[in-house]
Amino acid sequence: MNFRRWPRTDVGTVLLHWVTVAAIVVLMQTGLRFTSDDVHYLWLRDFDAYLGSETLWERHLIAAGVLTLAAVAYALYMSKARLWDRIRLNGARLQGLFGTAKMCWSCINVLLYWAFFIAVLGACATGWLAYYDLGGPLLPLHRLCTWVILAFPVLHLLALLRLAGVPHLLRIFRPKRVEPAADEIDLAHIVSDLLAEKRAAERRARSGASASANPAAKPRQSP
């Protein structure tokens, strides 16, 4: 396979993706180190060599700030570049769960995105509240969001591999300029249009059959 023909993705997504990855790695490293002090998670101390022990709070807070800014930047970027169709979750998209394997994995991947977005927002909100001594009771929720964020990369990679294989996975390493929104192909909208056309054709067929079975009476001719 010609590597030059493999799919690419826009440079903004690539940059924000790797900034987010770096911030999450630091947050997970320091956050799991904090969690290891909990009596229910003492098994995490077996990974102390990888979790670090110095300047934990400083690194955790800096990474939290970077992740918060990256989340805001991503929302603004998707809006300005008109790329919301990539992650749009509506009825047409959910119908893909019962479609072909490609449509099914595309829908699953979008669902994973939204689970990740919610977990990141939850972790940021509860984390900052805890920092200002306002979210002590919310720490279990913060921890739950952390586990969701940790599970996301594995599930996301699996979904991408099942969706389109290694070429689709490696496009995050091949940036390109942002293309006009008209060039974006949204499988959910395509499926929705096809279903609408199919229903319209079925209605026309039923109307034609009904007209054939009950022909209108012809007007009587005068003598």
C-alpha atoms as a PDB file:
ATOM      1  CA  MET A   1       0.000   0.000   0.000  1.00  0.00           C
ATOM      2  CA  ASN A   2       1.229   3.490  -0.928  1.00  0.00           C
ATOM      3  CA  PHE A   3       1.790   5.391   2.320  1.00  0.00           C
ATOM      4  CA  ARG A   4       1.189   8.714   0.537  1.00  0.00           C
ATOM      5  CA  ARG A   5      -2.383   7.666  -0.191  1.00  0.00           C
ATOM      6  CA  TRP A   6      -3.190   6.893   3.432  1.00  0.00           C
ATOM      7  CA  PRO A   7      -5.791   9.220   5.018  1.00  0.00           C
ATOM      8  CA  ARG A   8      -4.763  12.417   6.756  1.00  0.00           C
ATOM      9  CA  THR A   9      -6.447  14.727   9.251  1.00  0.00           C
ATOM     10  CA  ASP A  10      -6.431  18.474   9.773  1.00  0.00           C
ATOM     11  CA  VAL A  11      -3.480  20.067  11.543  1.00  0.00           C
ATOM     12  CA  GLY A  12      -5.639  21.644  14.254  1.00  0.00           C
ATOM     13  CA  THR A  13      -6.960  18.263  15.348  1.00  0.00           C
ATOM     14  CA  VAL A  14      -3.416  16.847  15.355  1.00  0.00           C
ATOM     15  CA  LEU A  15      -2.032  19.652  17.546  1.00  0.00           C
ATOM     16  CA  LEU A  16      -4.913  19.620  20.029  1.00  0.00           C
ATOM     17  CA  HIS A  17      -4.823  15.820  20.130  1.00  0.00           C
ATOM     18  CA  TRP A  18      -1.169  15.668  21.200  1.00  0.00           C
ATOM     19  CA  VAL A  19      -1.490  18.577  23.653  1.00  0.00           C
ATOM     20  CA  THR A  20      -4.410  16.735  25.263  1.00  0.00           C
ATOM     21  CA  VAL A  21      -2.470  13.452  25.328  1.00  0.00           C
ATOM     22  CA  ALA A  22       0.520  15.121  27.037  1.00  0.00           C
ATOM     23  CA  ALA A  23      -1.699  16.810  29.639  1.00  0.00           C
ATOM     24  CA  ILE A  24      -3.596  13.594  30.394  1.00  0.00           C
ATOM     25  CA  VAL A  25      -0.388  11.574  30.772  1.00  0.00           C
ATOM     26  CA  VAL A  26       0.866  14.006  33.418  1.00  0.00           C
ATOM     27  CA  LEU A  27      -2.536  14.144  35.131  1.00  0.00           C
ATOM     28  CA  MET A  28      -2.831  10.369  35.232  1.00  0.00           C
ATOM     29  CA  GLN A  29       0.715   9.957  36.526  1.00  0.00           C
ATOM     30  CA  THR A  30       0.285  12.438  39.352  1.00  0.00           C
ATOM     31  CA  GLY A  31      -3.381  11.670  40.027  1.00  0.00           C
ATOM     32  CA  LEU A  32      -2.768   7.944  40.420  1.00  0.00           C
ATOM     33  CA  ARG A  33       0.080   8.759  42.787  1.00  0.00           C
ATOM     34  CA  PHE A  34      -2.376  10.713  44.971  1.00  0.00           C
ATOM     35  CA  THR A  35      -4.868   7.841  44.754  1.00  0.00           C
ATOM     36  CA  SER A  36      -2.260   5.351  45.972  1.00  0.00           C
ATOM     37  CA  ASP A  37      -2.548   6.934  49.445  1.00  0.00           C
ATOM     38  CA  ASP A  38      -6.157   5.703  49.661  1.00  0.00           C
ATOM     39  CA  VAL A  39      -6.449   2.485  51.672  1.00  0.00           C
ATOM     40  CA  HIS A  40      -8.605   1.015  48.892  1.00  0.00           C
ATOM     41  CA  TYR A  41      -5.936   1.595  46.256  1.00  0.00           C
ATOM     42  CA  LEU A  42      -2.740   0.614  48.027  1.00  0.00           C
ATOM     43  CA  TRP A  43      -1.955  -1.718  45.112  1.00  0.00           C
ATOM     44  CA  LEU A  44      -1.053   1.376  43.088  1.00  0.00           C
ATOM     45  CA  ARG A  45       2.065   1.744  45.239  1.00  0.00           C
ATOM     46  CA  ASP A  46       3.552  -1.110  43.231  1.00  0.00           C
ATOM     47  CA  PHE A  47       3.855   1.439  40.414  1.00  0.00           C
ATOM     48  CA  ASP A  48       5.552   4.170  42.453  1.00  0.00           C
ATOM     49  CA  ALA A  49       8.623   3.983  40.252  1.00  0.00           C
ATOM     50  CA  TYR A  50       6.514   5.114  37.292  1.00  0.00           C
ATOM     51  CA  LEU A  51       4.232   7.559  39.085  1.00  0.00           C
ATOM     52  CA  GLY A  52       6.904   9.835  40.547  1.00  0.00           C
ATOM     53  CA  SER A  53       6.957  11.560  43.886  1.00  0.00           C
ATOM     54  CA  GLU A  54       8.325  15.102  43.401  1.00  0.00           C
ATOM     55  CA  THR A  55       6.479  18.332  42.544  1.00  0.00           C
ATOM     56  CA  LEU A  56       3.266  16.356  42.220  1.00  0.00           C
ATOM     57  CA  TRP A  57       0.875  19.201  42.927  1.00  0.00           C
ATOM     58  CA  GLU A  58       2.697  21.646  40.663  1.00  0.00           C
ATOM     59  CA  ARG A  59       2.685  19.249  37.717  1.00  0.00           C
ATOM     60  CA  HIS A  60      -0.906  18.209  38.367  1.00  0.00           C
ATOM     61  CA  LEU A  61      -2.166  21.800  38.441  1.00  0.00           C
ATOM     62  CA  ILE A  62      -0.201  22.854  35.351  1.00  0.00           C
ATOM     63  CA  ALA A  63      -1.480  19.846  33.409  1.00  0.00           C
ATOM     64  CA  ALA A  64      -5.040  20.544  34.629  1.00  0.00           C
ATOM     65  CA  GLY A  65      -4.777  24.101  33.319  1.00  0.00           C
ATOM     66  CA  VAL A  66      -3.453  22.870  29.966  1.00  0.00           C
ATOM     67  CA  LEU A  67      -6.255  20.313  29.657  1.00  0.00           C
ATOM     68  CA  THR A  68      -8.911  22.897  30.535  1.00  0.00           C
ATOM     69  CA  LEU A  69      -7.565  25.292  27.886  1.00  0.00           C
ATOM     70  CA  ALA A  70      -7.307  22.468  25.341  1.00  0.00           C
ATOM     71  CA  ALA A  71     -10.964  21.535  25.935  1.00  0.00           C
ATOM     72  CA  VAL A  72     -12.058  25.150  25.363  1.00  0.00           C
ATOM     73  CA  ALA A  73      -9.783  25.457  22.321  1.00  0.00           C
ATOM     74  CA  TYR A  74     -11.176  22.246  20.848  1.00  0.00           C
ATOM     75  CA  ALA A  75     -14.773  23.443  21.155  1.00  0.00           C
ATOM     76  CA  LEU A  76     -13.882  26.786  19.518  1.00  0.00           C
ATOM     77  CA  TYR A  77     -11.863  25.091  16.791  1.00  0.00           C
ATOM     78  CA  MET A  78     -14.644  22.634  15.904  1.00  0.00           C
ATOM     79  CA  SER A  79     -17.085  25.541  15.705  1.00  0.00           C
ATOM     80  CA  LYS A  80     -14.874  27.830  13.615  1.00  0.00           C
ATOM     81  CA  ALA A  81     -13.762  25.045  11.265  1.00  0.00           C
ATOM     82  CA  ARG A  82     -17.345  23.715  10.995  1.00  0.00           C
ATOM     83  CA  LEU A  83     -16.297  20.180  11.870  1.00  0.00           C
ATOM     84  CA  TRP A  84     -19.100  19.306  14.308  1.00  0.00           C
ATOM     85  CA  ASP A  85     -20.453  16.648  11.932  1.00  0.00           C
ATOM     86  CA  ARG A  86     -17.485  14.473  12.872  1.00  0.00           C
ATOM     87  CA  ILE A  87     -18.812  13.969  16.379  1.00  0.00           C
ATOM     88  CA  ARG A  88     -22.492  14.802  15.920  1.00  0.00           C
ATOM     89  CA  LEU A  89     -24.620  12.359  17.924  1.00  0.00           C
ATOM     90  CA  ASN A  90     -28.211  12.193  16.717  1.00  0.00           C
ATOM     91  CA  GLY A  91     -30.834   9.665  15.751  1.00  0.00           C
ATOM     92  CA  ALA A  92     -29.379   9.125  12.297  1.00  0.00           C
ATOM     93  CA  ARG A  93     -25.960   8.386  13.764  1.00  0.00           C
ATOM     94  CA  LEU A  94     -27.382   5.985  16.341  1.00  0.00           C
ATOM     95  CA  GLN A  95     -29.142   4.053  13.586  1.00  0.00           C
ATOM     96  CA  GLY A  96     -25.665   3.110  12.416  1.00  0.00           C
ATOM     97  CA  LEU A  97     -25.455   0.713  15.364  1.00  0.00           C
ATOM     98  CA  PHE A  98     -27.826  -1.535  13.392  1.00  0.00           C
ATOM     99  CA  GLY A  99     -26.206  -0.945  10.014  1.00  0.00           C
ATOM    100  CA  THR A 100     -23.041  -2.257   8.395  1.00  0.00           C
ATOM    101  CA  ALA A 101     -19.932  -3.040  10.439  1.00  0.00           C
ATOM    102  CA  LYS A 102     -18.309   0.239   9.348  1.00  0.00           C
ATOM    103  CA  MET A 103     -21.321   2.341  10.344  1.00  0.00           C
ATOM    104  CA  CYS A 104     -21.590   0.458  13.637  1.00  0.00           C
ATOM    105  CA  TRP A 105     -17.960   1.101  14.610  1.00  0.00           C
ATOM    106  CA  SER A 106     -18.226   4.715  13.469  1.00  0.00           C
ATOM    107  CA  CYS A 107     -21.168   5.187  15.848  1.00  0.00           C
ATOM    108  CA  ILE A 108     -19.355   3.379  18.678  1.00  0.00           C
ATOM    109  CA  ASN A 109     -16.346   5.632  18.185  1.00  0.00           C
ATOM    110  CA  VAL A 110     -18.523   8.765  18.421  1.00  0.00           C
ATOM    111  CA  LEU A 111     -20.147   7.399  21.589  1.00  0.00           C
ATOM    112  CA  LEU A 112     -16.651   6.877  23.024  1.00  0.00           C
ATOM    113  CA  TYR A 113     -15.772  10.467  22.139  1.00  0.00           C
ATOM    114  CA  TRP A 114     -18.741  11.783  24.089  1.00  0.00           C
ATOM    115  CA  ALA A 115     -18.022   9.553  27.069  1.00  0.00           C
ATOM    116  CA  PHE A 116     -14.471  10.918  27.021  1.00  0.00           C
ATOM    117  CA  PHE A 117     -15.635  14.539  26.686  1.00  0.00           C
ATOM    118  CA  ILE A 118     -18.017  14.161  29.633  1.00  0.00           C
ATOM    119  CA  ALA A 119     -15.315  12.465  31.724  1.00  0.00           C
ATOM    120  CA  VAL A 120     -12.781  15.222  30.955  1.00  0.00           C
ATOM    121  CA  LEU A 121     -15.278  17.964  31.811  1.00  0.00           C
ATOM    122  CA  GLY A 122     -16.244  16.113  34.988  1.00  0.00           C
ATOM    123  CA  ALA A 123     -12.625  15.624  36.011  1.00  0.00           C
ATOM    124  CA  CYS A 124     -11.776  19.289  35.346  1.00  0.00           C
ATOM    125  CA  ALA A 125     -14.830  20.609  37.209  1.00  0.00           C
ATOM    126  CA  THR A 126     -14.492  18.352  40.250  1.00  0.00           C
ATOM    127  CA  GLY A 127     -10.720  18.784  40.323  1.00  0.00           C
ATOM    128  CA  TRP A 128     -10.856  22.572  40.393  1.00  0.00           C
ATOM    129  CA  LEU A 129     -13.652  22.528  42.982  1.00  0.00           C
ATOM    130  CA  ALA A 130     -11.552  20.234  45.178  1.00  0.00           C
ATOM    131  CA  TYR A 131      -8.557  22.540  44.766  1.00  0.00           C
ATOM    132  CA  TYR A 132     -10.600  25.433  46.161  1.00  0.00           C
ATOM    133  CA  ASP A 133     -11.982  23.222  48.987  1.00  0.00           C
ATOM    134  CA  LEU A 134     -15.444  23.188  47.433  1.00  0.00           C
ATOM    135  CA  GLY A 135     -15.629  19.643  46.098  1.00  0.00           C
ATOM    136  CA  GLY A 136     -14.518  17.254  48.822  1.00  0.00           C
ATOM    137  CA  PRO A 137     -17.630  15.042  48.496  1.00  0.00           C
ATOM    138  CA  LEU A 138     -17.098  15.016  44.718  1.00  0.00           C
ATOM    139  CA  LEU A 139     -13.729  13.261  44.870  1.00  0.00           C
ATOM    140  CA  PRO A 140     -15.276   9.812  44.181  1.00  0.00           C
ATOM    141  CA  LEU A 141     -16.787  11.303  41.006  1.00  0.00           C
ATOM    142  CA  HIS A 142     -13.397  12.758  40.128  1.00  0.00           C
ATOM    143  CA  ARG A 143     -11.870   9.306  40.535  1.00  0.00           C
ATOM    144  CA  LEU A 144     -14.574   7.723  38.386  1.00  0.00           C
ATOM    145  CA  CYS A 145     -13.886  10.230  35.602  1.00  0.00           C
ATOM    146  CA  THR A 146     -10.206   9.332  35.883  1.00  0.00           C
ATOM    147  CA  TRP A 147     -10.899   5.641  35.254  1.00  0.00           C
ATOM    148  CA  VAL A 148     -13.089   6.504  32.248  1.00  0.00           C
ATOM    149  CA  ILE A 149     -10.279   8.648  30.817  1.00  0.00           C
ATOM    150  CA  LEU A 150      -7.805   5.809  31.332  1.00  0.00           C
ATOM    151  CA  ALA A 151     -10.082   3.337  29.560  1.00  0.00           C
ATOM    152  CA  PHE A 152     -10.755   5.640  26.604  1.00  0.00           C
ATOM    153  CA  PRO A 153      -7.402   5.292  24.728  1.00  0.00           C
ATOM    154  CA  VAL A 154      -7.629   1.488  24.616  1.00  0.00           C
ATOM    155  CA  LEU A 155     -11.262   1.460  23.472  1.00  0.00           C
ATOM    156  CA  HIS A 156     -10.674   4.339  21.026  1.00  0.00           C
ATOM    157  CA  LEU A 157      -7.731   2.567  19.368  1.00  0.00           C
ATOM    158  CA  LEU A 158      -9.742  -0.643  19.092  1.00  0.00           C
ATOM    159  CA  ALA A 159     -12.684   1.200  17.502  1.00  0.00           C
ATOM    160  CA  LEU A 160     -10.401   2.937  14.976  1.00  0.00           C
ATOM    161  CA  LEU A 161      -8.732  -0.347  14.043  1.00  0.00           C
ATOM    162  CA  ARG A 162     -12.100  -2.033  13.502  1.00  0.00           C
ATOM    163  CA  LEU A 163     -13.412   1.004  11.627  1.00  0.00           C
ATOM    164  CA  ALA A 164     -10.728   1.356   8.945  1.00  0.00           C
ATOM    165  CA  GLY A 165      -7.560  -0.407  10.043  1.00  0.00           C
ATOM    166  CA  VAL A 166      -4.045   0.899  10.615  1.00  0.00           C
ATOM    167  CA  PRO A 167      -4.146   3.623   7.892  1.00  0.00           C
ATOM    168  CA  HIS A 168      -7.062   5.323   9.647  1.00  0.00           C
ATOM    169  CA  LEU A 169      -5.264   5.051  12.974  1.00  0.00           C
ATOM    170  CA  LEU A 170      -2.021   6.591  11.698  1.00  0.00           C
ATOM    171  CA  ARG A 171      -3.622   9.659  10.156  1.00  0.00           C
ATOM    172  CA  ILE A 172      -3.137  11.444  13.476  1.00  0.00           C
ATOM    173  CA  PHE A 173       0.568  11.506  12.490  1.00  0.00           C
ATOM    174  CA  ARG A 174      -0.171  12.995   9.047  1.00  0.00           C
ATOM    175  CA  PRO A 175      -1.532  16.545   9.365  1.00  0.00           C
ATOM    176  CA  LYS A 176      -3.042  18.531   6.521  1.00  0.00           C
ATOM    177  CA  ARG A 177      -4.756  21.867   6.043  1.00  0.00           C
ATOM    178  CA  VAL A 178      -8.368  22.254   7.108  1.00  0.00           C
ATOM    179  CA  GLU A 179     -10.678  21.478   4.203  1.00  0.00           C
ATOM    180  CA  PRO A 180     -14.010  23.208   3.605  1.00  0.00           C
ATOM    181  CA  ALA A 181     -16.894  21.707   5.544  1.00  0.00           C
ATOM    182  CA  ALA A 182     -18.587  20.774   2.267  1.00  0.00           C
ATOM    183  CA  ASP A 183     -15.896  18.190   1.681  1.00  0.00           C
ATOM    184  CA  GLU A 184     -16.636  16.438   4.962  1.00  0.00           C
ATOM    185  CA  ILE A 185     -18.395  13.104   4.485  1.00  0.00           C
ATOM    186  CA  ASP A 186     -20.866  12.359   7.253  1.00  0.00           C
ATOM    187  CA  LEU A 187     -22.056   8.760   7.184  1.00  0.00           C
ATOM    188  CA  ALA A 188     -24.899   9.565   9.564  1.00  0.00           C
ATOM    189  CA  HIS A 189     -26.368  12.141   7.183  1.00  0.00           C
ATOM    190  CA  ILE A 190     -25.926   9.800   4.226  1.00  0.00           C
ATOM    191  CA  VAL A 191     -27.779   7.016   6.038  1.00  0.00           C
ATOM    192  CA  SER A 192     -30.532   9.453   7.078  1.00  0.00           C
ATOM    193  CA  ASP A 193     -30.990  10.657   3.473  1.00  0.00           C
ATOM    194  CA  LEU A 194     -31.054   7.114   2.117  1.00  0.00           C
ATOM    195  CA  LEU A 195     -33.671   6.054   4.671  1.00  0.00           C
ATOM    196  CA  ALA A 196     -35.786   9.116   3.848  1.00  0.00           C
ATOM    197  CA  GLU A 197     -35.610   8.304   0.135  1.00  0.00           C
ATOM    198  CA  LYS A 198     -36.515   4.673   0.809  1.00  0.00           C
ATOM    199  CA  ARG A 199     -39.569   5.667   2.876  1.00  0.00           C
ATOM    200  CA  ALA A 200     -40.679   8.126   0.185  1.00  0.00           C
ATOM    201  CA  ALA A 201     -40.357   5.431  -2.495  1.00  0.00           C
ATOM    202  CA  GLU A 202     -42.386   3.007  -0.372  1.00  0.00           C
ATOM    203  CA  ARG A 203     -45.134   5.611   0.081  1.00  0.00           C
ATOM    204  CA  ARG A 204     -45.236   6.262  -3.685  1.00  0.00           C
ATOM    205  CA  ALA A 205     -45.401   2.531  -4.366  1.00  0.00           C
ATOM    206  CA  ARG A 206     -48.286   2.083  -1.905  1.00  0.00           C
ATOM    207  CA  SER A 207     -50.136   5.040  -3.430  1.00  0.00           C
ATOM    208  CA  GLY A 208     -49.682   3.618  -6.932  1.00  0.00           C
ATOM    209  CA  ALA A 209     -50.907   0.179  -5.869  1.00  0.00           C
ATOM    210  CA  SER A 210     -53.949   1.698  -4.199  1.00  0.00           C
ATOM    211  CA  ALA A 211     -54.794   3.716  -7.303  1.00  0.00           C
ATOM    212  CA  SER A 212     -54.495   0.607  -9.506  1.00  0.00           C
ATOM    213  CA  ALA A 213     -56.750  -1.442  -7.229  1.00  0.00           C
ATOM    214  CA  ASN A 214     -59.424   1.288  -7.031  1.00  0.00           C
ATOM    215  CA  PRO A 215     -59.485   3.185 -10.353  1.00  0.00           C
ATOM    216  CA  ALA A 216     -61.548   6.346 -10.379  1.00  0.00           C
ATOM    217  CA  ALA A 217     -64.884   6.093 -12.185  1.00  0.00           C
ATOM    218  CA  LYS A 218     -64.743   7.474 -15.694  1.00  0.00           C
ATOM    219  CA  PRO A 219     -67.191  10.277 -16.480  1.00  0.00           C
ATOM    220  CA  ARG A 220     -70.219   9.204 -18.520  1.00  0.00           C
ATOM    221  CA  GLN A 221     -70.396  10.558 -22.036  1.00  0.00           C
ATOM    222  CA  SER A 222     -73.565  12.351 -23.115  1.00  0.00           C
ATOM    223  CA  PRO A 223     -75.473  10.733 -26.038  1.00  0.00           C
END
